[in-house]
Amino acid sequence: MSAVGETAVNAAAPELELIAIEKIFESQRATTHALTGIDLDIAREEFIAIIGQSGCGKTTLLRILAGLVKPSEGKVRAAGRSLWDGAVRDRETVNKLGVVFQDPNLFPWYSVENNIALPLKLRGIDRKTRKTRARELCELVGLTGFERAYPRELSGGMRQRTAIARALSYRPDVLLMDEPFGALDAMTRDKMNLELQSIAAATRATVVLVTHAINEAVFLADRIVLLSPRPGRIRSITQVPFPRPRQLELETRPEFQDIARELRHQLDEDA
């Protein structure tokens, strides 16, 4: 594997472990070998970005980490505990994971506050506690004053902030994000990247982000995992050396551009 730059990585036990992951999808029409030989340790509070060509298995890998897809072979562990017990997901482990998708998937008949509090309601948390937590999260993600607004009244960025807050409502240790800003315009996306950096620091969550945007990956991540074309395997892991907090001006620095250029070169070789 190749590496660009150096960074200090938490020497403690991994927060997430992928061990010899294989994923094969079978249907009446075809068999698709999506992922093969995936081994990866992710440290507590680390920010990992996953990139690669379309169809390389990025989303499949994230869904495996989230427990939404069971690997054909291999193991997934969170804080040393297996995500799967045979064919059944381990509930305690799943409760450590928060997931955000590209589509916010908000309930249109719920207010911002009630959308954020929904996971707590489903867990039987009392109304007062739910409301307090939702308001805390609105402040964290920059939605103060919009607690009673409905999704139709929000911009795309605000809807995605609501989805992030909802994923954080039950204080997961890990935040898994699949192209959360892919549908946003460039200026809003830049703003959301700054917000996400702040949220990750404030919550001290471990973050795994799937993205097609190389600059986004370099700006946000501690390490960038590049998957090869299908069947996806880890082609390289690039360490990002820039201290935090990072500002958007970082993208103009030669060191930033060198890392982005090398990643584009690797992607072009795989095209």
Protein backbone atom coordinates (compact mmCIF):
# COMPACT_ATOMS: atom_id res chain seq x y z
CA MET A 1 0.00 0.00 0.00
CA SER A 2 1.17 3.56 -0.66
CA ALA A 3 1.15 6.44 1.79
CA VAL A 4 1.50 10.19 1.38
CA GLY A 5 2.58 12.23 4.41
CA GLU A 6 2.58 11.13 8.03
CA THR A 7 0.13 11.47 10.89
CA ALA A 8 -0.12 10.18 14.41
CA VAL A 9 -2.71 7.43 14.75
CA ASN A 10 -4.24 6.39 18.03
CA ALA A 11 -2.25 3.42 19.32
CA ALA A 12 -5.17 2.11 21.38
CA ALA A 13 -7.32 -0.84 20.31
CA PRO A 14 -9.21 -0.14 17.07
CA GLU A 15 -12.70 1.31 17.24
CA LEU A 16 -13.62 -0.59 14.06
CA GLU A 17 -12.04 -3.67 12.50
CA LEU A 18 -12.66 -5.21 9.10
CA ILE A 19 -11.09 -8.64 8.91
CA ALA A 20 -10.77 -10.53 5.59
CA ILE A 21 -14.07 -9.13 4.29
CA GLU A 22 -15.54 -10.69 1.14
CA LYS A 23 -18.90 -9.82 -0.35
CA ILE A 24 -20.58 -11.70 -3.18
CA PHE A 25 -24.07 -10.82 -4.39
CA GLU A 26 -25.94 -13.67 -6.06
CA SER A 27 -29.10 -13.45 -8.11
CA GLN A 28 -30.81 -15.52 -10.79
CA ARG A 29 -29.14 -13.39 -13.46
CA ALA A 30 -25.59 -13.02 -12.20
CA THR A 31 -23.03 -13.37 -9.44
CA THR A 32 -21.21 -10.16 -8.50
CA HIS A 33 -18.01 -10.25 -6.49
CA ALA A 34 -18.23 -6.80 -4.87
CA LEU A 35 -15.41 -6.85 -2.29
CA THR A 36 -12.43 -9.07 -1.61
CA GLY A 37 -9.70 -9.28 1.02
CA ILE A 38 -10.62 -6.12 2.94
CA ASP A 39 -8.56 -5.71 6.11
CA LEU A 40 -8.73 -2.38 7.90
CA ASP A 41 -8.36 -1.07 11.46
CA ILE A 42 -9.88 2.31 12.32
CA ALA A 43 -8.76 4.06 15.50
CA ARG A 44 -10.99 5.79 18.04
CA GLU A 45 -11.86 9.33 16.89
CA GLU A 46 -10.17 8.80 13.53
CA PHE A 47 -11.73 10.28 10.39
CA ILE A 48 -11.54 7.89 7.43
CA ALA A 49 -12.59 8.72 3.86
CA ILE A 50 -13.27 5.96 1.34
CA ILE A 51 -12.89 6.78 -2.36
CA GLY A 52 -12.74 4.85 -5.63
CA GLN A 53 -14.27 4.49 -9.07
CA SER A 54 -18.05 4.10 -9.34
CA GLY A 55 -19.04 0.50 -8.71
CA CYS A 56 -15.93 -0.39 -6.71
CA GLY A 57 -17.91 -1.30 -3.57
CA LYS A 58 -17.59 1.86 -1.44
CA THR A 59 -21.24 1.94 -0.42
CA THR A 60 -21.31 -1.83 0.07
CA LEU A 61 -18.35 -1.54 2.42
CA LEU A 62 -20.04 1.22 4.41
CA ARG A 63 -23.26 -0.78 4.63
CA ILE A 64 -21.26 -3.75 5.90
CA LEU A 65 -19.75 -1.52 8.59
CA ALA A 66 -23.27 -0.35 9.49
CA GLY A 67 -24.62 -3.88 9.78
CA LEU A 68 -27.05 -3.28 6.91
CA VAL A 69 -25.33 -5.90 4.74
CA LYS A 70 -23.77 -9.11 6.05
CA PRO A 71 -20.37 -9.98 4.57
CA SER A 72 -20.13 -13.27 2.69
CA GLU A 73 -16.93 -13.98 4.61
CA GLY A 74 -14.90 -12.19 7.25
CA LYS A 75 -15.66 -10.31 10.45
CA VAL A 76 -16.63 -6.81 11.52
CA ARG A 77 -15.88 -5.65 15.06
CA ALA A 78 -16.75 -2.45 16.90
CA ALA A 79 -14.76 -1.80 20.09
CA GLY A 80 -13.69 -5.44 20.01
CA ARG A 81 -17.24 -6.80 19.82
CA SER A 82 -18.48 -8.71 16.78
CA LEU A 83 -21.19 -6.96 14.75
CA TRP A 84 -22.75 -10.29 13.77
CA ASP A 85 -23.67 -13.34 15.84
CA GLY A 86 -24.30 -15.83 13.08
CA ALA A 87 -27.10 -14.37 10.97
CA VAL A 88 -28.22 -11.93 13.69
CA ARG A 89 -26.80 -8.46 14.28
CA ASP A 90 -25.50 -7.77 17.77
CA ARG A 91 -27.83 -5.06 19.08
CA GLU A 92 -25.34 -3.57 21.52
CA THR A 93 -22.81 -3.13 18.73
CA VAL A 94 -25.33 -1.67 16.27
CA ASN A 95 -26.31 0.92 18.88
CA LYS A 96 -22.77 2.29 18.70
CA LEU A 97 -23.27 3.20 15.03
CA GLY A 98 -24.97 6.23 13.47
CA VAL A 99 -25.63 6.31 9.70
CA VAL A 100 -26.20 9.23 7.32
CA PHE A 101 -27.10 8.72 3.65
CA GLN A 102 -27.05 11.09 0.65
CA ASP A 103 -30.83 11.45 0.90
CA PRO A 104 -31.69 12.85 4.36
CA ASN A 105 -34.83 10.65 4.47
CA LEU A 106 -36.66 12.99 6.82
CA PHE A 107 -40.31 12.46 7.70
CA PRO A 108 -42.14 15.41 6.06
CA TRP A 109 -44.87 15.46 8.71
CA TYR A 110 -42.32 15.76 11.55
CA SER A 111 -40.62 19.00 12.58
CA VAL A 112 -36.83 19.28 12.66
CA GLU A 113 -36.95 18.67 16.39
CA ASN A 114 -39.13 15.57 16.08
CA ASN A 115 -37.09 14.14 13.20
CA ILE A 116 -33.93 14.45 15.30
CA ALA A 117 -35.59 12.91 18.35
CA LEU A 118 -37.19 9.99 16.49
CA PRO A 119 -34.44 7.41 17.29
CA LEU A 120 -34.83 8.31 20.97
CA LYS A 121 -38.60 7.91 20.77
CA LEU A 122 -38.14 4.46 19.25
CA ARG A 123 -35.83 3.61 22.17
CA GLY A 124 -38.51 4.59 24.67
CA ILE A 125 -36.84 7.78 25.90
CA ASP A 126 -39.22 10.21 27.61
CA ARG A 127 -40.47 13.30 25.79
CA LYS A 128 -38.67 15.87 27.94
CA THR A 129 -35.30 14.18 27.47
CA ARG A 130 -35.93 13.85 23.73
CA LYS A 131 -36.72 17.54 23.40
CA THR A 132 -33.66 18.58 25.40
CA ARG A 133 -31.37 16.39 23.32
CA ALA A 134 -32.89 17.58 20.03
CA ARG A 135 -32.36 21.21 21.03
CA GLU A 136 -28.76 20.49 22.01
CA LEU A 137 -28.15 18.95 18.61
CA CYS A 138 -29.87 21.79 16.77
CA GLU A 139 -27.36 24.12 18.40
CA LEU A 140 -24.47 21.79 17.53
CA VAL A 141 -25.35 21.57 13.82
CA GLY A 142 -26.43 25.19 13.38
CA LEU A 143 -30.21 24.78 13.34
CA THR A 144 -31.11 26.90 16.35
CA GLY A 145 -34.34 28.72 15.55
CA PHE A 146 -35.51 26.02 13.13
CA GLU A 147 -36.53 23.40 15.69
CA ARG A 148 -40.22 23.63 14.70
CA ALA A 149 -39.65 23.99 10.96
CA TYR A 150 -40.64 21.19 8.58
CA PRO A 151 -38.35 19.61 5.96
CA ARG A 152 -40.11 21.39 3.09
CA GLU A 153 -39.13 24.71 4.68
CA LEU A 154 -35.41 23.88 4.79
CA SER A 155 -32.58 24.18 2.29
CA GLY A 156 -30.73 21.06 1.17
CA GLY A 157 -27.88 21.77 3.57
CA MET A 158 -30.26 22.27 6.49
CA ARG A 159 -32.06 19.01 5.73
CA GLN A 160 -28.71 17.21 5.76
CA ARG A 161 -27.77 18.87 9.05
CA THR A 162 -31.03 17.51 10.45
CA ALA A 163 -30.12 14.02 9.25
CA ILE A 164 -26.68 14.28 10.87
CA ALA A 165 -28.22 15.47 14.13
CA ARG A 166 -30.68 12.57 14.04
CA ALA A 167 -27.81 10.10 13.59
CA LEU A 168 -26.08 11.65 16.61
CA SER A 169 -29.18 11.69 18.81
CA TYR A 170 -28.34 8.53 20.75
CA ARG A 171 -24.63 9.41 21.04
CA PRO A 172 -23.12 6.73 18.78
CA ASP A 173 -19.38 6.15 18.95
CA VAL A 174 -19.17 5.86 15.16
CA LEU A 175 -20.71 8.02 12.42
CA LEU A 176 -20.96 6.33 9.00
CA MET A 177 -21.70 8.65 6.08
CA ASP A 178 -22.47 7.72 2.47
CA GLU A 179 -22.02 10.73 0.13
CA PRO A 180 -23.94 12.97 2.55
CA PHE A 181 -23.18 16.17 0.60
CA GLY A 182 -23.20 14.75 -2.92
CA ALA A 183 -26.40 16.51 -3.96
CA LEU A 184 -25.39 19.94 -2.63
CA ASP A 185 -23.97 22.84 -4.61
CA ALA A 186 -20.23 23.58 -4.25
CA MET A 187 -20.54 26.50 -1.83
CA THR A 188 -22.97 24.67 0.45
CA ARG A 189 -20.79 21.57 0.31
CA ASP A 190 -17.75 23.55 1.44
CA LYS A 191 -19.74 24.98 4.32
CA MET A 192 -20.99 21.53 5.31
CA ASN A 193 -17.43 20.17 5.26
CA LEU A 194 -16.45 22.83 7.79
CA GLU A 195 -19.53 21.97 9.86
CA LEU A 196 -18.77 18.26 9.74
CA GLN A 197 -15.22 18.85 10.90
CA SER A 198 -16.55 20.83 13.88
CA ILE A 199 -19.21 18.21 14.67
CA ALA A 200 -16.65 15.40 14.61
CA ALA A 201 -14.41 17.34 17.00
CA ALA A 202 -17.27 18.26 19.34
CA THR A 203 -18.71 14.74 19.57
CA ARG A 204 -15.34 12.93 19.41
CA ALA A 205 -16.98 10.39 17.12
CA THR A 206 -15.09 8.07 14.82
CA VAL A 207 -16.17 8.98 11.27
CA VAL A 208 -16.15 6.92 8.07
CA LEU A 209 -17.11 8.95 4.99
CA VAL A 210 -17.73 7.61 1.48
CA THR A 211 -17.19 10.31 -1.15
CA HIS A 212 -16.46 10.78 -4.84
CA ALA A 213 -14.86 14.18 -4.16
CA ILE A 214 -11.09 13.91 -3.75
CA ASN A 215 -10.69 17.42 -2.30
CA GLU A 216 -13.41 16.66 0.24
CA ALA A 217 -11.58 13.49 1.28
CA VAL A 218 -8.23 15.27 1.65
CA PHE A 219 -9.78 18.19 3.54
CA LEU A 220 -11.66 16.05 6.06
CA ALA A 221 -9.79 12.80 6.56
CA ASP A 222 -6.91 11.56 8.67
CA ARG A 223 -6.53 8.67 6.23
CA ILE A 224 -7.97 8.06 2.79
CA VAL A 225 -8.73 4.49 1.71
CA LEU A 226 -8.75 4.01 -2.07
CA LEU A 227 -10.59 0.95 -3.35
CA SER A 228 -9.68 -0.76 -6.62
CA PRO A 229 -12.30 -1.51 -9.30
CA ARG A 230 -14.58 -4.47 -8.62
CA PRO A 231 -13.99 -6.67 -6.84
CA GLY A 232 -13.03 -3.83 -4.52
CA ARG A 233 -9.86 -4.27 -2.54
CA ILE A 234 -7.73 -1.71 -0.72
CA ARG A 235 -5.43 -0.29 -3.37
CA SER A 236 -3.79 2.31 -1.11
CA ILE A 237 -4.11 4.11 2.20
CA THR A 238 -3.03 7.74 2.16
CA GLN A 239 -2.26 9.52 5.41
CA VAL A 240 -3.17 13.21 5.56
CA PRO A 241 -0.72 15.26 7.68
CA PHE A 242 -2.56 18.56 8.14
CA PRO A 243 -3.36 19.69 11.71
CA ARG A 244 -6.88 20.56 12.81
CA PRO A 245 -8.95 22.65 12.64
CA ARG A 246 -8.57 23.01 8.88
CA GLN A 247 -9.72 26.00 6.87
CA LEU A 248 -10.82 26.04 3.24
CA GLU A 249 -7.65 27.95 2.28
CA LEU A 250 -5.80 24.68 2.90
CA GLU A 251 -6.98 23.47 -0.52
CA THR A 252 -4.75 26.06 -2.22
CA ARG A 253 -1.55 24.85 -0.57
CA PRO A 254 0.94 22.84 -2.70
CA GLU A 255 1.03 20.02 -0.12
CA PHE A 256 -2.73 19.61 -0.37
CA GLN A 257 -2.64 19.63 -4.16
CA ASP A 258 0.19 17.04 -4.18
CA ILE A 259 -1.94 14.59 -2.21
CA ALA A 260 -5.02 15.23 -4.35
CA ARG A 261 -2.95 14.87 -7.54
CA GLU A 262 -1.52 11.52 -6.46
CA LEU A 263 -4.98 10.20 -5.62
CA ARG A 264 -6.34 11.34 -9.00
CA HIS A 265 -3.41 9.60 -10.67
CA GLN A 266 -4.26 6.35 -8.91
CA LEU A 267 -7.92 6.70 -9.87
CA ASP A 268 -6.97 7.39 -13.50
CA GLU A 269 -4.83 4.24 -13.56
CA ASP A 270 -7.90 2.27 -12.45
CA ALA A 271 -10.23 3.83 -15.04
